[in-house]
Amino acid sequence: MDPKVLPENVPILEEKGEIPYWEIASRLGVHVNTIRNWMKSSMSQKQREMVLEAIKAIKEIK
């Protein structure tokens, strides 16, 4: 587990698996650092849903 990830975001990290942050960021139209910062802080429900939806969409393509 990445020590910089907030414990409440660990389920997102587990769902992310090997998908790089830049790929999730690209899908959401944000900078990769935005995703990394979100993972280090308490995300709003909307942010959490957006990230999980992006991960799901990326997995469907791969």
PDB file of N, CA and C in Angstrom:
ATOM      1  N   MET A   1       0.843  -1.195   0.000  1.00  0.00           N
ATOM      2  CA  MET A   1       0.000   0.000   0.000  1.00  0.00           C
ATOM      3  C   MET A   1       0.878   1.245   0.000  1.00  0.00           C
ATOM      4  N   ASP A   2       0.448   2.223  -0.744  1.00  0.00           N
ATOM      5  CA  ASP A   2       1.157   3.499  -0.811  1.00  0.00           C
ATOM      6  C   ASP A   2       0.936   4.247   0.504  1.00  0.00           C
ATOM      7  N   PRO A   3       2.019   4.566   1.234  1.00  0.00           N
ATOM      8  CA  PRO A   3       1.850   5.241   2.531  1.00  0.00           C
ATOM      9  C   PRO A   3       1.255   6.636   2.424  1.00  0.00           C
ATOM     10  N   LYS A   4       1.252   7.210   1.226  1.00  0.00           N
ATOM     11  CA  LYS A   4       0.707   8.562   1.046  1.00  0.00           C
ATOM     12  C   LYS A   4      -0.803   8.555   0.822  1.00  0.00           C
ATOM     13  N   VAL A   5      -1.370   7.372   0.594  1.00  0.00           N
ATOM     14  CA  VAL A   5      -2.806   7.269   0.338  1.00  0.00           C
ATOM     15  C   VAL A   5      -3.555   7.245   1.659  1.00  0.00           C
ATOM     16  N   LEU A   6      -4.575   8.081   1.744  1.00  0.00           N
ATOM     17  CA  LEU A   6      -5.412   8.134   2.940  1.00  0.00           C
ATOM     18  C   LEU A   6      -6.111   6.775   3.113  1.00  0.00           C
ATOM     19  N   PRO A   7      -6.149   6.245   4.318  1.00  0.00           N
ATOM     20  CA  PRO A   7      -6.752   4.920   4.526  1.00  0.00           C
ATOM     21  C   PRO A   7      -8.158   4.769   3.949  1.00  0.00           C
ATOM     22  N   GLU A   8      -8.950   5.827   3.967  1.00  0.00           N
ATOM     23  CA  GLU A   8     -10.310   5.720   3.418  1.00  0.00           C
ATOM     24  C   GLU A   8     -10.311   5.571   1.889  1.00  0.00           C
ATOM     25  N   ASN A   9      -9.154   5.853   1.254  1.00  0.00           N
ATOM     26  CA  ASN A   9      -9.052   5.726  -0.197  1.00  0.00           C
ATOM     27  C   ASN A   9      -8.391   4.418  -0.635  1.00  0.00           C
ATOM     28  N   VAL A  10      -8.064   3.567   0.314  1.00  0.00           N
ATOM     29  CA  VAL A  10      -7.433   2.282  -0.015  1.00  0.00           C
ATOM     30  C   VAL A  10      -8.318   1.437  -0.935  1.00  0.00           C
ATOM     31  N   PRO A  11      -9.654   1.393  -0.742  1.00  0.00           N
ATOM     32  CA  PRO A  11     -10.475   0.618  -1.682  1.00  0.00           C
ATOM     33  C   PRO A  11     -10.333   1.102  -3.138  1.00  0.00           C
ATOM     34  N   ILE A  12     -10.166   2.397  -3.325  1.00  0.00           N
ATOM     35  CA  ILE A  12      -9.960   2.929  -4.677  1.00  0.00           C
ATOM     36  C   ILE A  12      -8.614   2.460  -5.198  1.00  0.00           C
ATOM     37  N   LEU A  13      -7.600   2.499  -4.356  1.00  0.00           N
ATOM     38  CA  LEU A  13      -6.266   2.037  -4.735  1.00  0.00           C
ATOM     39  C   LEU A  13      -6.312   0.561  -5.129  1.00  0.00           C
ATOM     40  N   GLU A  14      -7.035  -0.233  -4.379  1.00  0.00           N
ATOM     41  CA  GLU A  14      -7.160  -1.658  -4.699  1.00  0.00           C
ATOM     42  C   GLU A  14      -7.904  -1.858  -6.012  1.00  0.00           C
ATOM     43  N   GLU A  15      -8.949  -1.089  -6.250  1.00  0.00           N
ATOM     44  CA  GLU A  15      -9.709  -1.183  -7.500  1.00  0.00           C
ATOM     45  C   GLU A  15      -8.849  -0.736  -8.682  1.00  0.00           C
ATOM     46  N   LYS A  16      -8.021   0.272  -8.451  1.00  0.00           N
ATOM     47  CA  LYS A  16      -7.122   0.821  -9.477  1.00  0.00           C
ATOM     48  C   LYS A  16      -6.147  -0.235  -9.970  1.00  0.00           C
ATOM     49  N   GLY A  17      -5.627  -1.039  -9.053  1.00  0.00           N
ATOM     50  CA  GLY A  17      -4.669  -2.073  -9.441  1.00  0.00           C
ATOM     51  C   GLY A  17      -3.447  -1.477 -10.121  1.00  0.00           C
ATOM     52  N   GLU A  18      -3.154  -1.957 -11.321  1.00  0.00           N
ATOM     53  CA  GLU A  18      -1.965  -1.529 -12.067  1.00  0.00           C
ATOM     54  C   GLU A  18      -2.227  -0.341 -12.995  1.00  0.00           C
ATOM     55  N   ILE A  19      -3.436   0.186 -12.975  1.00  0.00           N
ATOM     56  CA  ILE A  19      -3.752   1.330 -13.842  1.00  0.00           C
ATOM     57  C   ILE A  19      -2.983   2.544 -13.335  1.00  0.00           C
ATOM     58  N   PRO A  20      -2.199   3.185 -14.212  1.00  0.00           N
ATOM     59  CA  PRO A  20      -1.436   4.361 -13.759  1.00  0.00           C
ATOM     60  C   PRO A  20      -2.345   5.563 -13.504  1.00  0.00           C
ATOM     61  N   TYR A  21      -1.920   6.386 -12.559  1.00  0.00           N
ATOM     62  CA  TYR A  21      -2.690   7.592 -12.238  1.00  0.00           C
ATOM     63  C   TYR A  21      -2.896   8.474 -13.466  1.00  0.00           C
ATOM     64  N   TRP A  22      -1.887   8.555 -14.337  1.00  0.00           N
ATOM     65  CA  TRP A  22      -2.005   9.433 -15.495  1.00  0.00           C
ATOM     66  C   TRP A  22      -3.158   8.998 -16.399  1.00  0.00           C
ATOM     67  N   GLU A  23      -3.412   7.692 -16.472  1.00  0.00           N
ATOM     68  CA  GLU A  23      -4.487   7.200 -17.329  1.00  0.00           C
ATOM     69  C   GLU A  23      -5.857   7.580 -16.760  1.00  0.00           C
ATOM     70  N   ILE A  24      -5.987   7.491 -15.454  1.00  0.00           N
ATOM     71  CA  ILE A  24      -7.232   7.906 -14.790  1.00  0.00           C
ATOM     72  C   ILE A  24      -7.422   9.408 -14.968  1.00  0.00           C
ATOM     73  N   ALA A  25      -6.355  10.166 -14.764  1.00  0.00           N
ATOM     74  CA  ALA A  25      -6.413  11.623 -14.912  1.00  0.00           C
ATOM     75  C   ALA A  25      -6.815  12.009 -16.328  1.00  0.00           C
ATOM     76  N   SER A  26      -6.230  11.339 -17.311  1.00  0.00           N
ATOM     77  CA  SER A  26      -6.550  11.634 -18.707  1.00  0.00           C
ATOM     78  C   SER A  26      -8.029  11.382 -18.981  1.00  0.00           C
ATOM     79  N   ARG A  27      -8.540  10.307 -18.447  1.00  0.00           N
ATOM     80  CA  ARG A  27      -9.950   9.959 -18.628  1.00  0.00           C
ATOM     81  C   ARG A  27     -10.879  11.018 -18.014  1.00  0.00           C
ATOM     82  N   LEU A  28     -10.433  11.608 -16.902  1.00  0.00           N
ATOM     83  CA  LEU A  28     -11.246  12.613 -16.210  1.00  0.00           C
ATOM     84  C   LEU A  28     -10.981  14.036 -16.691  1.00  0.00           C
ATOM     85  N   GLY A  29      -9.927  14.220 -17.483  1.00  0.00           N
ATOM     86  CA  GLY A  29      -9.606  15.562 -17.973  1.00  0.00           C
ATOM     87  C   GLY A  29      -8.964  16.443 -16.923  1.00  0.00           C
ATOM     88  N   VAL A  30      -8.225  15.817 -15.995  1.00  0.00           N
ATOM     89  CA  VAL A  30      -7.519  16.565 -14.957  1.00  0.00           C
ATOM     90  C   VAL A  30      -6.039  16.199 -15.008  1.00  0.00           C
ATOM     91  N   HIS A  31      -5.219  16.950 -14.305  1.00  0.00           N
ATOM     92  CA  HIS A  31      -3.784  16.667 -14.248  1.00  0.00           C
ATOM     93  C   HIS A  31      -3.541  15.472 -13.322  1.00  0.00           C
ATOM     94  N   VAL A  32      -2.515  14.705 -13.620  1.00  0.00           N
ATOM     95  CA  VAL A  32      -2.181  13.536 -12.811  1.00  0.00           C
ATOM     96  C   VAL A  32      -1.970  13.904 -11.343  1.00  0.00           C
ATOM     97  N   ASN A  33      -1.408  15.072 -11.079  1.00  0.00           N
ATOM     98  CA  ASN A  33      -1.204  15.494  -9.692  1.00  0.00           C
ATOM     99  C   ASN A  33      -2.525  15.707  -8.957  1.00  0.00           C
ATOM    100  N   THR A  34      -3.565  16.056  -9.690  1.00  0.00           N
ATOM    101  CA  THR A  34      -4.887  16.214  -9.078  1.00  0.00           C
ATOM    102  C   THR A  34      -5.351  14.879  -8.503  1.00  0.00           C
ATOM    103  N   ILE A  35      -5.196  13.818  -9.277  1.00  0.00           N
ATOM    104  CA  ILE A  35      -5.591  12.487  -8.802  1.00  0.00           C
ATOM    105  C   ILE A  35      -4.754  12.092  -7.598  1.00  0.00           C
ATOM    106  N   ARG A  36      -3.467  12.308  -7.679  1.00  0.00           N
ATOM    107  CA  ARG A  36      -2.588  11.962  -6.551  1.00  0.00           C
ATOM    108  C   ARG A  36      -2.974  12.748  -5.287  1.00  0.00           C
ATOM    109  N   ASN A  37      -3.287  14.019  -5.458  1.00  0.00           N
ATOM    110  CA  ASN A  37      -3.706  14.840  -4.303  1.00  0.00           C
ATOM    111  C   ASN A  37      -5.037  14.357  -3.733  1.00  0.00           C
ATOM    112  N   TRP A  38      -5.955  13.978  -4.602  1.00  0.00           N
ATOM    113  CA  TRP A  38      -7.233  13.445  -4.130  1.00  0.00           C
ATOM    114  C   TRP A  38      -7.006  12.189  -3.295  1.00  0.00           C
ATOM    115  N   MET A  39      -6.071  11.332  -3.725  1.00  0.00           N
ATOM    116  CA  MET A  39      -5.805  10.083  -3.012  1.00  0.00           C
ATOM    117  C   MET A  39      -5.200  10.337  -1.630  1.00  0.00           C
ATOM    118  N   LYS A  40      -4.558  11.487  -1.461  1.00  0.00           N
ATOM    119  CA  LYS A  40      -3.931  11.831  -0.185  1.00  0.00           C
ATOM    120  C   LYS A  40      -4.867  12.593   0.746  1.00  0.00           C
ATOM    121  N   SER A  41      -6.078  12.887   0.284  1.00  0.00           N
ATOM    122  CA  SER A  41      -7.011  13.667   1.092  1.00  0.00           C
ATOM    123  C   SER A  41      -8.389  13.008   1.090  1.00  0.00           C
ATOM    124  N   SER A  42      -9.264  13.553   1.896  1.00  0.00           N
ATOM    125  CA  SER A  42     -10.616  13.041   1.966  1.00  0.00           C
ATOM    126  C   SER A  42     -11.390  13.524   0.737  1.00  0.00           C
ATOM    127  N   MET A  43     -11.796  12.598  -0.109  1.00  0.00           N
ATOM    128  CA  MET A  43     -12.500  12.950  -1.346  1.00  0.00           C
ATOM    129  C   MET A  43     -13.987  13.145  -1.087  1.00  0.00           C
ATOM    130  N   SER A  44     -14.574  14.016  -1.875  1.00  0.00           N
ATOM    131  CA  SER A  44     -16.032  14.143  -1.836  1.00  0.00           C
ATOM    132  C   SER A  44     -16.626  12.894  -2.488  1.00  0.00           C
ATOM    133  N   GLN A  45     -17.885  12.656  -2.249  1.00  0.00           N
ATOM    134  CA  GLN A  45     -18.552  11.500  -2.857  1.00  0.00           C
ATOM    135  C   GLN A  45     -18.498  11.589  -4.374  1.00  0.00           C
ATOM    136  N   LYS A  46     -18.650  12.790  -4.905  1.00  0.00           N
ATOM    137  CA  LYS A  46     -18.611  12.979  -6.364  1.00  0.00           C
ATOM    138  C   LYS A  46     -17.237  12.619  -6.920  1.00  0.00           C
ATOM    139  N   GLN A  47     -16.160  13.069  -6.263  1.00  0.00           N
ATOM    140  CA  GLN A  47     -14.807  12.738  -6.714  1.00  0.00           C
ATOM    141  C   GLN A  47     -14.595  11.230  -6.679  1.00  0.00           C
ATOM    142  N   ARG A  48     -15.002  10.612  -5.590  1.00  0.00           N
ATOM    143  CA  ARG A  48     -14.853   9.158  -5.435  1.00  0.00           C
ATOM    144  C   ARG A  48     -15.570   8.426  -6.579  1.00  0.00           C
ATOM    145  N   GLU A  49     -16.802   8.825  -6.870  1.00  0.00           N
ATOM    146  CA  GLU A  49     -17.575   8.197  -7.938  1.00  0.00           C
ATOM    147  C   GLU A  49     -16.928   8.419  -9.298  1.00  0.00           C
ATOM    148  N   MET A  50     -16.426   9.627  -9.537  1.00  0.00           N
ATOM    149  CA  MET A  50     -15.771   9.922 -10.815  1.00  0.00           C
ATOM    150  C   MET A  50     -14.547   9.035 -11.018  1.00  0.00           C
ATOM    151  N   VAL A  51     -13.725   8.905  -9.986  1.00  0.00           N
ATOM    152  CA  VAL A  51     -12.511   8.094 -10.090  1.00  0.00           C
ATOM    153  C   VAL A  51     -12.876   6.633 -10.310  1.00  0.00           C
ATOM    154  N   LEU A  52     -13.830   6.126  -9.563  1.00  0.00           N
ATOM    155  CA  LEU A  52     -14.232   4.722  -9.723  1.00  0.00           C
ATOM    156  C   LEU A  52     -14.834   4.450 -11.096  1.00  0.00           C
ATOM    157  N   GLU A  53     -15.617   5.400 -11.617  1.00  0.00           N
ATOM    158  CA  GLU A  53     -16.185   5.244 -12.957  1.00  0.00           C
ATOM    159  C   GLU A  53     -15.088   5.240 -14.015  1.00  0.00           C
ATOM    160  N   ALA A  54     -14.086   6.105 -13.848  1.00  0.00           N
ATOM    161  CA  ALA A  54     -12.972   6.140 -14.791  1.00  0.00           C
ATOM    162  C   ALA A  54     -12.203   4.826 -14.758  1.00  0.00           C
ATOM    163  N   ILE A  55     -11.966   4.296 -13.578  1.00  0.00           N
ATOM    164  CA  ILE A  55     -11.261   3.015 -13.439  1.00  0.00           C
ATOM    165  C   ILE A  55     -12.056   1.907 -14.123  1.00  0.00           C
ATOM    166  N   LYS A  56     -13.362   1.898 -13.904  1.00  0.00           N
ATOM    167  CA  LYS A  56     -14.215   0.886 -14.515  1.00  0.00           C
ATOM    168  C   LYS A  56     -14.162   0.984 -16.049  1.00  0.00           C
ATOM    169  N   ALA A  57     -14.233   2.201 -16.563  1.00  0.00           N
ATOM    170  CA  ALA A  57     -14.185   2.398 -18.018  1.00  0.00           C
ATOM    171  C   ALA A  57     -12.864   1.950 -18.601  1.00  0.00           C
ATOM    172  N   ILE A  58     -11.777   2.239 -17.916  1.00  0.00           N
ATOM    173  CA  ILE A  58     -10.449   1.832 -18.386  1.00  0.00           C
ATOM    174  C   ILE A  58     -10.333   0.309 -18.393  1.00  0.00           C
ATOM    175  N   LYS A  59     -10.845  -0.336 -17.362  1.00  0.00           N
ATOM    176  CA  LYS A  59     -10.790  -1.803 -17.294  1.00  0.00           C
ATOM    177  C   LYS A  59     -11.599  -2.442 -18.414  1.00  0.00           C
ATOM    178  N   GLU A  60     -12.709  -1.824 -18.816  1.00  0.00           N
ATOM    179  CA  GLU A  60     -13.534  -2.365 -19.896  1.00  0.00           C
ATOM    180  C   GLU A  60     -12.795  -2.326 -21.220  1.00  0.00           C
ATOM    181  N   ILE A  61     -11.945  -1.332 -21.406  1.00  0.00           N
ATOM    182  CA  ILE A  61     -11.182  -1.193 -22.642  1.00  0.00           C
ATOM    183  C   ILE A  61     -10.035  -2.206 -22.714  1.00  0.00           C
ATOM    184  N   LYS A  62      -9.425  -2.465 -21.575  1.00  0.00           N
ATOM    185  CA  LYS A  62      -8.237  -3.345 -21.539  1.00  0.00           C
ATOM    186  C   LYS A  62      -8.577  -4.797 -21.605  1.00  0.00           C
TER     187      LYS A  62
END
